[in-house]
């Protein structure tokens, strides 16, 4: 069986499930080393299979074979070689995979059977591919922040929590001023670099728990959790400070706060949009 899924920055994802299950490659279709798959099923029952699953498998492998160290080296077409070490430690010259040039499972001591290593590598590759596929589906490939689809879901969730418990948050909409003129004059490559820089500045300006997104073109949106007037001002000041080296990147802001303005996502968006265009001197009708 082959698992196929769409990804924003890849043409297609294909994972041969038989390769993951039939770790020794003999084609018998047997479930080798079922503890690996039980670990996957256990995580799937409570959360999505992600990078954390890879570290869970490495930890279980180390306990089963009394390893002092273990590294799983995987390869992704877009990201290149990715290494995951027991205890989430960084790689150094003393790691079992210090000289690794290809994917595999490297252990200290070297006592894990090849069939087990193959199963672990294949299942961890599956977990990495699924993790990257979800990331691509939810993120803007240019700026690596959330895309409109995932932002809309986050806004709906924040609005529900605000209506139910009275928790405040502020929706911030941002337009880059004069971006079209810069894009037309200097070219799309320069424009893309500016958008990447702005996305980087946004990520650096927000706090843990906030959400940033590129909604399309030169439009961005942020959910500032537990934030009202002064917190919003502090955010914009941090953002402008990070952009001081890019004077051509200026922006206008429109905001709406829940529950004070509304707890309806569409209404919050309408209010913030109207305030944004009011600051730009444009009257929406």
C-alpha atoms as a PDB file:
ATOM      1  CA  UNK A   1       0.000   0.000   0.000  1.00  0.00           C
ATOM      2  CA  UNK A   2       1.272   3.479  -0.813  1.00  0.00           C
ATOM      3  CA  UNK A   3       0.312   6.583   1.162  1.00  0.00           C
ATOM      4  CA  UNK A   4      -0.038   9.625  -1.065  1.00  0.00           C
ATOM      5  CA  UNK A   5      -0.743  13.210   0.040  1.00  0.00           C
ATOM      6  CA  UNK A   6      -0.547  16.727  -1.360  1.00  0.00           C
ATOM      7  CA  UNK A   7       2.125  19.088  -0.059  1.00  0.00           C
ATOM      8  CA  UNK A   8       2.607  22.791  -0.674  1.00  0.00           C
ATOM      9  CA  UNK A   9       6.342  22.612  -1.502  1.00  0.00           C
ATOM     10  CA  UNK A  10       6.514  19.094  -2.937  1.00  0.00           C
ATOM     11  CA  UNK A  11       4.799  17.508  -5.903  1.00  0.00           C
ATOM     12  CA  UNK A  12       3.743  14.365  -4.061  1.00  0.00           C
ATOM     13  CA  UNK A  13       4.429  12.281  -0.985  1.00  0.00           C
ATOM     14  CA  UNK A  14       4.770   8.551  -1.399  1.00  0.00           C
ATOM     15  CA  UNK A  15       5.485   6.159   1.427  1.00  0.00           C
ATOM     16  CA  UNK A  16       5.662   2.415   0.944  1.00  0.00           C
ATOM     17  CA  UNK A  17       3.906   1.041   4.011  1.00  0.00           C
ATOM     18  CA  UNK A  18       5.106  -2.508   3.238  1.00  0.00           C
ATOM     19  CA  UNK A  19       8.692  -1.271   3.500  1.00  0.00           C
ATOM     20  CA  UNK A  20       8.001   0.060   6.967  1.00  0.00           C
ATOM     21  CA  UNK A  21       6.255  -3.097   8.131  1.00  0.00           C
ATOM     22  CA  UNK A  22       8.403  -5.686   6.359  1.00  0.00           C
ATOM     23  CA  UNK A  23      11.668  -4.436   7.812  1.00  0.00           C
ATOM     24  CA  UNK A  24      13.903  -7.256   6.585  1.00  0.00           C
ATOM     25  CA  UNK A  25      12.852  -6.739   2.967  1.00  0.00           C
ATOM     26  CA  UNK A  26      11.964 -10.379   2.418  1.00  0.00           C
ATOM     27  CA  UNK A  27       8.484  -9.546   1.202  1.00  0.00           C
ATOM     28  CA  UNK A  28       6.701 -11.805   3.668  1.00  0.00           C
ATOM     29  CA  UNK A  29       4.437  -8.947   4.825  1.00  0.00           C
ATOM     30  CA  UNK A  30       4.917  -9.793   8.512  1.00  0.00           C
ATOM     31  CA  UNK A  31       4.781  -7.164  11.207  1.00  0.00           C
ATOM     32  CA  UNK A  32       8.374  -7.115  12.437  1.00  0.00           C
ATOM     33  CA  UNK A  33       9.166  -5.417  15.752  1.00  0.00           C
ATOM     34  CA  UNK A  34       5.515  -4.638  16.629  1.00  0.00           C
ATOM     35  CA  UNK A  35       6.557  -2.449  19.584  1.00  0.00           C
ATOM     36  CA  UNK A  36       7.452   0.285  17.072  1.00  0.00           C
ATOM     37  CA  UNK A  37       3.964   0.277  15.599  1.00  0.00           C
ATOM     38  CA  UNK A  38       2.321   0.019  19.006  1.00  0.00           C
ATOM     39  CA  UNK A  39       4.235   3.184  19.924  1.00  0.00           C
ATOM     40  CA  UNK A  40       2.890   4.883  16.802  1.00  0.00           C
ATOM     41  CA  UNK A  41      -0.674   3.778  17.517  1.00  0.00           C
ATOM     42  CA  UNK A  42      -0.367   4.968  21.108  1.00  0.00           C
ATOM     43  CA  UNK A  43       0.716   8.436  19.992  1.00  0.00           C
ATOM     44  CA  UNK A  44      -1.975   8.565  17.309  1.00  0.00           C
ATOM     45  CA  UNK A  45      -4.604   7.946  19.983  1.00  0.00           C
ATOM     46  CA  UNK A  46      -3.665  11.160  21.789  1.00  0.00           C
ATOM     47  CA  UNK A  47      -1.969  13.381  19.203  1.00  0.00           C
ATOM     48  CA  UNK A  48      -0.527  13.515  15.716  1.00  0.00           C
ATOM     49  CA  UNK A  49       2.538  11.489  14.775  1.00  0.00           C
ATOM     50  CA  UNK A  50       5.323  14.048  14.633  1.00  0.00           C
ATOM     51  CA  UNK A  51       8.962  14.639  15.517  1.00  0.00           C
ATOM     52  CA  UNK A  52       8.222  13.690  19.124  1.00  0.00           C
ATOM     53  CA  UNK A  53       7.343  10.190  17.932  1.00  0.00           C
ATOM     54  CA  UNK A  54      10.846   9.777  16.495  1.00  0.00           C
ATOM     55  CA  UNK A  55      12.420  10.601  19.842  1.00  0.00           C
ATOM     56  CA  UNK A  56       9.992   8.222  21.584  1.00  0.00           C
ATOM     57  CA  UNK A  57      11.087   5.374  19.304  1.00  0.00           C
ATOM     58  CA  UNK A  58      14.778   6.145  19.901  1.00  0.00           C
ATOM     59  CA  UNK A  59      14.180   6.133  23.664  1.00  0.00           C
ATOM     60  CA  UNK A  60      12.369   2.782  23.524  1.00  0.00           C
ATOM     61  CA  UNK A  61      15.081   1.332  21.302  1.00  0.00           C
ATOM     62  CA  UNK A  62      17.753   2.406  23.780  1.00  0.00           C
ATOM     63  CA  UNK A  63      15.875   0.818  26.681  1.00  0.00           C
ATOM     64  CA  UNK A  64      15.199  -2.456  24.863  1.00  0.00           C
ATOM     65  CA  UNK A  65      18.852  -2.924  23.876  1.00  0.00           C
ATOM     66  CA  UNK A  66      20.481  -1.056  26.795  1.00  0.00           C
ATOM     67  CA  UNK A  67      22.096   1.512  24.518  1.00  0.00           C
ATOM     68  CA  UNK A  68      24.169   4.369  25.828  1.00  0.00           C
ATOM     69  CA  UNK A  69      23.549   6.382  22.663  1.00  0.00           C
ATOM     70  CA  UNK A  70      21.530   6.153  19.446  1.00  0.00           C
ATOM     71  CA  UNK A  71      21.013   8.346  16.402  1.00  0.00           C
ATOM     72  CA  UNK A  72      18.456   8.055  13.608  1.00  0.00           C
ATOM     73  CA  UNK A  73      19.571   9.728  10.394  1.00  0.00           C
ATOM     74  CA  UNK A  74      16.839  10.455   7.847  1.00  0.00           C
ATOM     75  CA  UNK A  75      16.728  12.255   4.542  1.00  0.00           C
ATOM     76  CA  UNK A  76      14.142  14.660   3.185  1.00  0.00           C
ATOM     77  CA  UNK A  77      14.183  15.925  -0.379  1.00  0.00           C
ATOM     78  CA  UNK A  78      13.610  19.542   0.647  1.00  0.00           C
ATOM     79  CA  UNK A  79      15.493  19.709   3.959  1.00  0.00           C
ATOM     80  CA  UNK A  80      18.337  17.319   3.273  1.00  0.00           C
ATOM     81  CA  UNK A  81      19.789  15.095   5.995  1.00  0.00           C
ATOM     82  CA  UNK A  82      18.099  15.252   9.395  1.00  0.00           C
ATOM     83  CA  UNK A  83      19.560  13.572  12.495  1.00  0.00           C
ATOM     84  CA  UNK A  84      17.733  12.729  15.749  1.00  0.00           C
ATOM     85  CA  UNK A  85      19.769  11.684  18.793  1.00  0.00           C
ATOM     86  CA  UNK A  86      18.796   9.965  22.020  1.00  0.00           C
ATOM     87  CA  UNK A  87      17.736  12.497  24.638  1.00  0.00           C
ATOM     88  CA  UNK A  88      17.385  15.176  21.933  1.00  0.00           C
ATOM     89  CA  UNK A  89      21.088  15.853  22.293  1.00  0.00           C
ATOM     90  CA  UNK A  90      23.004  17.671  19.585  1.00  0.00           C
ATOM     91  CA  UNK A  91      25.369  15.771  17.326  1.00  0.00           C
ATOM     92  CA  UNK A  92      29.092  15.948  18.008  1.00  0.00           C
ATOM     93  CA  UNK A  93      32.214  14.021  17.182  1.00  0.00           C
ATOM     94  CA  UNK A  94      31.424  11.411  19.829  1.00  0.00           C
ATOM     95  CA  UNK A  95      27.992  10.462  18.484  1.00  0.00           C
ATOM     96  CA  UNK A  96      27.498   7.062  16.807  1.00  0.00           C
ATOM     97  CA  UNK A  97      26.522   8.847  13.584  1.00  0.00           C
ATOM     98  CA  UNK A  98      29.492  11.227  13.510  1.00  0.00           C
ATOM     99  CA  UNK A  99      30.687   9.849  10.166  1.00  0.00           C
ATOM    100  CA  UNK A 100      27.283   8.896   8.744  1.00  0.00           C
ATOM    101  CA  UNK A 101      26.749   9.877   5.111  1.00  0.00           C
ATOM    102  CA  UNK A 102      23.454   8.067   4.473  1.00  0.00           C
ATOM    103  CA  UNK A 103      20.194   7.382   6.341  1.00  0.00           C
ATOM    104  CA  UNK A 104      20.253   4.726   9.008  1.00  0.00           C
ATOM    105  CA  UNK A 105      20.117   3.891  12.708  1.00  0.00           C
ATOM    106  CA  UNK A 106      23.434   4.133  14.549  1.00  0.00           C
ATOM    107  CA  UNK A 107      23.817   2.704  18.036  1.00  0.00           C
ATOM    108  CA  UNK A 108      26.302   2.472  20.877  1.00  0.00           C
ATOM    109  CA  UNK A 109      27.018  -0.340  21.536  1.00  0.00           C
ATOM    110  CA  UNK A 110      26.507  -1.725  18.038  1.00  0.00           C
ATOM    111  CA  UNK A 111      24.204  -4.556  19.090  1.00  0.00           C
ATOM    112  CA  UNK A 112      20.845  -3.877  17.421  1.00  0.00           C
ATOM    113  CA  UNK A 113      19.895  -6.389  14.664  1.00  0.00           C
ATOM    114  CA  UNK A 114      19.667  -5.033  11.125  1.00  0.00           C
ATOM    115  CA  UNK A 115      15.993  -5.961  10.818  1.00  0.00           C
ATOM    116  CA  UNK A 116      15.203  -3.813  13.866  1.00  0.00           C
ATOM    117  CA  UNK A 117      17.219  -0.900  12.523  1.00  0.00           C
ATOM    118  CA  UNK A 118      15.422  -1.104   9.186  1.00  0.00           C
ATOM    119  CA  UNK A 119      12.001  -1.054  10.845  1.00  0.00           C
ATOM    120  CA  UNK A 120      12.958   1.869  13.091  1.00  0.00           C
ATOM    121  CA  UNK A 121      14.395   3.858  10.182  1.00  0.00           C
ATOM    122  CA  UNK A 122      11.399   3.255   7.916  1.00  0.00           C
ATOM    123  CA  UNK A 123       8.816   4.136  10.553  1.00  0.00           C
ATOM    124  CA  UNK A 124      10.733   7.242  11.635  1.00  0.00           C
ATOM    125  CA  UNK A 125      10.961   8.294   7.978  1.00  0.00           C
ATOM    126  CA  UNK A 126       7.186   7.921   7.770  1.00  0.00           C
ATOM    127  CA  UNK A 127       6.749  10.091  10.881  1.00  0.00           C
ATOM    128  CA  UNK A 128       9.065  12.787   9.490  1.00  0.00           C
ATOM    129  CA  UNK A 129       7.271  12.814   6.131  1.00  0.00           C
ATOM    130  CA  UNK A 130       3.851  13.127   7.781  1.00  0.00           C
ATOM    131  CA  UNK A 131       5.120  15.907  10.046  1.00  0.00           C
ATOM    132  CA  UNK A 132       6.519  17.871   7.086  1.00  0.00           C
ATOM    133  CA  UNK A 133       3.362  17.276   5.049  1.00  0.00           C
ATOM    134  CA  UNK A 134       1.202  18.771   7.808  1.00  0.00           C
ATOM    135  CA  UNK A 135       3.602  21.679   8.189  1.00  0.00           C
ATOM    136  CA  UNK A 136       3.475  22.392   4.461  1.00  0.00           C
ATOM    137  CA  UNK A 137      -0.319  22.227   4.440  1.00  0.00           C
ATOM    138  CA  UNK A 138      -0.592  24.768   7.275  1.00  0.00           C
ATOM    139  CA  UNK A 139       2.226  27.184   6.444  1.00  0.00           C
ATOM    140  CA  UNK A 140       3.022  29.743   3.792  1.00  0.00           C
ATOM    141  CA  UNK A 141       6.012  28.376   1.862  1.00  0.00           C
ATOM    142  CA  UNK A 142       7.587  31.808   1.299  1.00  0.00           C
ATOM    143  CA  UNK A 143       7.565  33.168   4.853  1.00  0.00           C
ATOM    144  CA  UNK A 144       7.204  29.908   6.823  1.00  0.00           C
ATOM    145  CA  UNK A 145       4.437  31.354   8.984  1.00  0.00           C
ATOM    146  CA  UNK A 146       0.828  30.129   9.055  1.00  0.00           C
ATOM    147  CA  UNK A 147      -1.287  30.361   5.914  1.00  0.00           C
ATOM    148  CA  UNK A 148      -4.874  31.616   5.648  1.00  0.00           C
ATOM    149  CA  UNK A 149      -6.419  28.181   6.156  1.00  0.00           C
ATOM    150  CA  UNK A 150      -4.681  27.461   9.443  1.00  0.00           C
ATOM    151  CA  UNK A 151      -5.078  31.070  10.625  1.00  0.00           C
ATOM    152  CA  UNK A 152      -8.832  30.997  10.049  1.00  0.00           C
ATOM    153  CA  UNK A 153      -9.035  27.825  12.138  1.00  0.00           C
ATOM    154  CA  UNK A 154      -6.991  29.467  14.921  1.00  0.00           C
ATOM    155  CA  UNK A 155      -9.213  32.568  14.829  1.00  0.00           C
ATOM    156  CA  UNK A 156     -12.373  30.447  15.105  1.00  0.00           C
ATOM    157  CA  UNK A 157     -10.920  28.584  18.084  1.00  0.00           C
ATOM    158  CA  UNK A 158      -9.826  31.799  19.827  1.00  0.00           C
ATOM    159  CA  UNK A 159     -13.270  33.326  19.261  1.00  0.00           C
ATOM    160  CA  UNK A 160     -15.026  30.315  20.787  1.00  0.00           C
ATOM    161  CA  UNK A 161     -12.785  30.472  23.863  1.00  0.00           C
ATOM    162  CA  UNK A 162     -13.315  34.220  24.160  1.00  0.00           C
ATOM    163  CA  UNK A 163     -17.109  33.900  23.946  1.00  0.00           C
ATOM    164  CA  UNK A 164     -17.203  31.035  26.435  1.00  0.00           C
ATOM    165  CA  UNK A 165     -14.727  32.241  29.046  1.00  0.00           C
ATOM    166  CA  UNK A 166     -14.322  35.946  28.340  1.00  0.00           C
ATOM    167  CA  UNK A 167     -10.654  35.564  27.414  1.00  0.00           C
ATOM    168  CA  UNK A 168      -9.404  38.618  25.545  1.00  0.00           C
ATOM    169  CA  UNK A 169      -7.393  38.553  22.349  1.00  0.00           C
ATOM    170  CA  UNK A 170      -6.708  41.051  19.605  1.00  0.00           C
ATOM    171  CA  UNK A 171      -6.859  40.400  15.885  1.00  0.00           C
ATOM    172  CA  UNK A 172      -4.240  42.477  14.071  1.00  0.00           C
ATOM    173  CA  UNK A 173      -4.365  42.947  10.296  1.00  0.00           C
ATOM    174  CA  UNK A 174      -1.314  44.363   8.518  1.00  0.00           C
ATOM    175  CA  UNK A 175      -0.842  45.713   4.998  1.00  0.00           C
ATOM    176  CA  UNK A 176       2.612  46.572   3.667  1.00  0.00           C
ATOM    177  CA  UNK A 177       2.554  50.171   2.434  1.00  0.00           C
ATOM    178  CA  UNK A 178       3.690  50.744  -1.137  1.00  0.00           C
ATOM    179  CA  UNK A 179       4.709  47.131  -1.616  1.00  0.00           C
ATOM    180  CA  UNK A 180       3.224  46.859  -5.106  1.00  0.00           C
ATOM    181  CA  UNK A 181       5.277  49.813  -6.306  1.00  0.00           C
ATOM    182  CA  UNK A 182       8.464  48.312  -4.849  1.00  0.00           C
ATOM    183  CA  UNK A 183       7.625  44.961  -6.388  1.00  0.00           C
ATOM    184  CA  UNK A 184       6.990  46.511  -9.804  1.00  0.00           C
ATOM    185  CA  UNK A 185      10.150  48.630  -9.681  1.00  0.00           C
ATOM    186  CA  UNK A 186      12.667  46.143  -8.257  1.00  0.00           C
ATOM    187  CA  UNK A 187      11.162  42.851  -9.391  1.00  0.00           C
ATOM    188  CA  UNK A 188       9.442  39.889  -7.796  1.00  0.00           C
ATOM    189  CA  UNK A 189      12.666  38.355  -6.470  1.00  0.00           C
ATOM    190  CA  UNK A 190      13.335  41.450  -4.362  1.00  0.00           C
ATOM    191  CA  UNK A 191       9.677  41.544  -3.353  1.00  0.00           C
ATOM    192  CA  UNK A 192       9.859  37.930  -2.177  1.00  0.00           C
ATOM    193  CA  UNK A 193      12.954  38.749  -0.112  1.00  0.00           C
ATOM    194  CA  UNK A 194      11.060  41.623   1.511  1.00  0.00           C
ATOM    195  CA  UNK A 195       8.140  39.342   2.353  1.00  0.00           C
ATOM    196  CA  UNK A 196      10.531  36.791   3.881  1.00  0.00           C
ATOM    197  CA  UNK A 197      12.131  39.541   5.963  1.00  0.00           C
ATOM    198  CA  UNK A 198       8.751  40.736   7.141  1.00  0.00           C
ATOM    199  CA  UNK A 199       7.713  37.185   8.063  1.00  0.00           C
ATOM    200  CA  UNK A 200      10.941  36.786  10.035  1.00  0.00           C
ATOM    201  CA  UNK A 201      10.299  40.075  11.856  1.00  0.00           C
ATOM    202  CA  UNK A 202       6.743  38.999  12.676  1.00  0.00           C
ATOM    203  CA  UNK A 203       7.946  35.738  14.233  1.00  0.00           C
ATOM    204  CA  UNK A 204      10.465  37.647  16.335  1.00  0.00           C
ATOM    205  CA  UNK A 205       7.898  40.245  17.451  1.00  0.00           C
ATOM    206  CA  UNK A 206       5.213  37.965  18.872  1.00  0.00           C
ATOM    207  CA  UNK A 207       5.130  36.010  22.112  1.00  0.00           C
ATOM    208  CA  UNK A 208       4.684  32.323  22.724  1.00  0.00           C
ATOM    209  CA  UNK A 209       0.986  31.583  22.217  1.00  0.00           C
ATOM    210  CA  UNK A 210       0.454  34.244  19.547  1.00  0.00           C
ATOM    211  CA  UNK A 211      -0.309  33.292  15.936  1.00  0.00           C
ATOM    212  CA  UNK A 212       1.151  34.927  12.818  1.00  0.00           C
ATOM    213  CA  UNK A 213       0.037  34.329   9.232  1.00  0.00           C
ATOM    214  CA  UNK A 214       0.445  35.541   5.701  1.00  0.00           C
ATOM    215  CA  UNK A 215      -3.051  35.867   4.305  1.00  0.00           C
ATOM    216  CA  UNK A 216      -1.885  36.423   0.741  1.00  0.00           C
ATOM    217  CA  UNK A 217       0.101  38.989  -1.218  1.00  0.00           C
ATOM    218  CA  UNK A 218       1.304  41.674   1.193  1.00  0.00           C
ATOM    219  CA  UNK A 219      -1.431  41.035   3.773  1.00  0.00           C
ATOM    220  CA  UNK A 220      -0.615  39.556   7.177  1.00  0.00           C
ATOM    221  CA  UNK A 221      -2.654  38.737  10.276  1.00  0.00           C
ATOM    222  CA  UNK A 222      -1.815  38.094  13.911  1.00  0.00           C
ATOM    223  CA  UNK A 223      -3.750  36.815  16.905  1.00  0.00           C
ATOM    224  CA  UNK A 224      -2.321  38.372  20.068  1.00  0.00           C
ATOM    225  CA  UNK A 225      -3.472  36.184  22.945  1.00  0.00           C
ATOM    226  CA  UNK A 226      -4.539  37.851  26.202  1.00  0.00           C
ATOM    227  CA  UNK A 227      -3.833  41.213  24.628  1.00  0.00           C
ATOM    228  CA  UNK A 228      -5.595  44.552  24.446  1.00  0.00           C
ATOM    229  CA  UNK A 229      -4.458  48.169  23.902  1.00  0.00           C
ATOM    230  CA  UNK A 230      -1.012  48.415  25.522  1.00  0.00           C
ATOM    231  CA  UNK A 231       0.056  44.919  24.444  1.00  0.00           C
ATOM    232  CA  UNK A 232      -0.874  45.695  20.833  1.00  0.00           C
ATOM    233  CA  UNK A 233       1.162  48.902  20.930  1.00  0.00           C
ATOM    234  CA  UNK A 234       4.150  47.028  22.351  1.00  0.00           C
ATOM    235  CA  UNK A 235       3.880  44.479  19.544  1.00  0.00           C
ATOM    236  CA  UNK A 236       3.896  47.098  16.786  1.00  0.00           C
ATOM    237  CA  UNK A 237       6.848  48.871  18.413  1.00  0.00           C
ATOM    238  CA  UNK A 238       8.829  45.614  18.510  1.00  0.00           C
ATOM    239  CA  UNK A 239       7.976  44.971  14.875  1.00  0.00           C
ATOM    240  CA  UNK A 240       9.034  48.452  13.719  1.00  0.00           C
ATOM    241  CA  UNK A 241      12.301  48.154  15.679  1.00  0.00           C
ATOM    242  CA  UNK A 242      13.149  44.913  13.872  1.00  0.00           C
ATOM    243  CA  UNK A 243      12.462  46.560  10.510  1.00  0.00           C
ATOM    244  CA  UNK A 244      14.608  49.640  11.131  1.00  0.00           C
ATOM    245  CA  UNK A 245      17.258  48.324   8.728  1.00  0.00           C
ATOM    246  CA  UNK A 246      14.599  47.985   6.016  1.00  0.00           C
ATOM    247  CA  UNK A 247      13.156  51.524   5.679  1.00  0.00           C
ATOM    248  CA  UNK A 248      11.322  50.548   2.490  1.00  0.00           C
ATOM    249  CA  UNK A 249       9.181  48.155   4.567  1.00  0.00           C
ATOM    250  CA  UNK A 250       6.477  50.218   6.254  1.00  0.00           C
ATOM    251  CA  UNK A 251       3.040  48.980   7.184  1.00  0.00           C
ATOM    252  CA  UNK A 252      -0.440  49.947   8.316  1.00  0.00           C
ATOM    253  CA  UNK A 253      -2.340  48.206  11.109  1.00  0.00           C
ATOM    254  CA  UNK A 254      -5.990  47.595  11.884  1.00  0.00           C
ATOM    255  CA  UNK A 255      -7.164  45.856  15.051  1.00  0.00           C
ATOM    256  CA  UNK A 256     -10.253  44.370  16.660  1.00  0.00           C
ATOM    257  CA  UNK A 257     -10.430  42.983  20.178  1.00  0.00           C
ATOM    258  CA  UNK A 258     -12.568  40.134  21.465  1.00  0.00           C
ATOM    259  CA  UNK A 259     -14.817  40.161  23.393  1.00  0.00           C
ATOM    260  CA  UNK A 260     -14.953  43.982  23.524  1.00  0.00           C
ATOM    261  CA  UNK A 261     -15.626  44.475  19.792  1.00  0.00           C
ATOM    262  CA  UNK A 262     -17.192  41.109  18.998  1.00  0.00           C
ATOM    263  CA  UNK A 263     -16.735  37.375  19.479  1.00  0.00           C
ATOM    264  CA  UNK A 264     -17.683  36.547  15.905  1.00  0.00           C
ATOM    265  CA  UNK A 265     -14.628  35.852  13.696  1.00  0.00           C
ATOM    266  CA  UNK A 266     -16.141  37.396  10.572  1.00  0.00           C
ATOM    267  CA  UNK A 267     -17.188  40.537  12.449  1.00  0.00           C
ATOM    268  CA  UNK A 268     -13.782  40.887  14.080  1.00  0.00           C
ATOM    269  CA  UNK A 269     -12.167  40.618  10.676  1.00  0.00           C
ATOM    270  CA  UNK A 270     -14.561  43.219   9.222  1.00  0.00           C
ATOM    271  CA  UNK A 271     -13.868  45.671  12.066  1.00  0.00           C
ATOM    272  CA  UNK A 272     -10.090  45.260  11.869  1.00  0.00           C
ATOM    273  CA  UNK A 273     -10.166  45.595   8.080  1.00  0.00           C
ATOM    274  CA  UNK A 274     -12.234  48.782   8.261  1.00  0.00           C
ATOM    275  CA  UNK A 275      -9.856  50.298  10.834  1.00  0.00           C
ATOM    276  CA  UNK A 276      -6.866  49.339   8.696  1.00  0.00           C
ATOM    277  CA  UNK A 277      -8.229  51.050   5.608  1.00  0.00           C
ATOM    278  CA  UNK A 278      -9.327  54.047   7.645  1.00  0.00           C
ATOM    279  CA  UNK A 279      -5.700  54.547   8.657  1.00  0.00           C
ATOM    280  CA  UNK A 280      -4.680  54.270   5.024  1.00  0.00           C
ATOM    281  CA  UNK A 281      -7.252  56.958   4.156  1.00  0.00           C
ATOM    282  CA  UNK A 282      -9.500  54.539   2.260  1.00  0.00           C
ATOM    283  CA  UNK A 283     -13.196  54.386   3.046  1.00  0.00           C
ATOM    284  CA  UNK A 284     -14.778  50.964   2.588  1.00  0.00           C
ATOM    285  CA  UNK A 285     -18.341  50.944   1.282  1.00  0.00           C
END
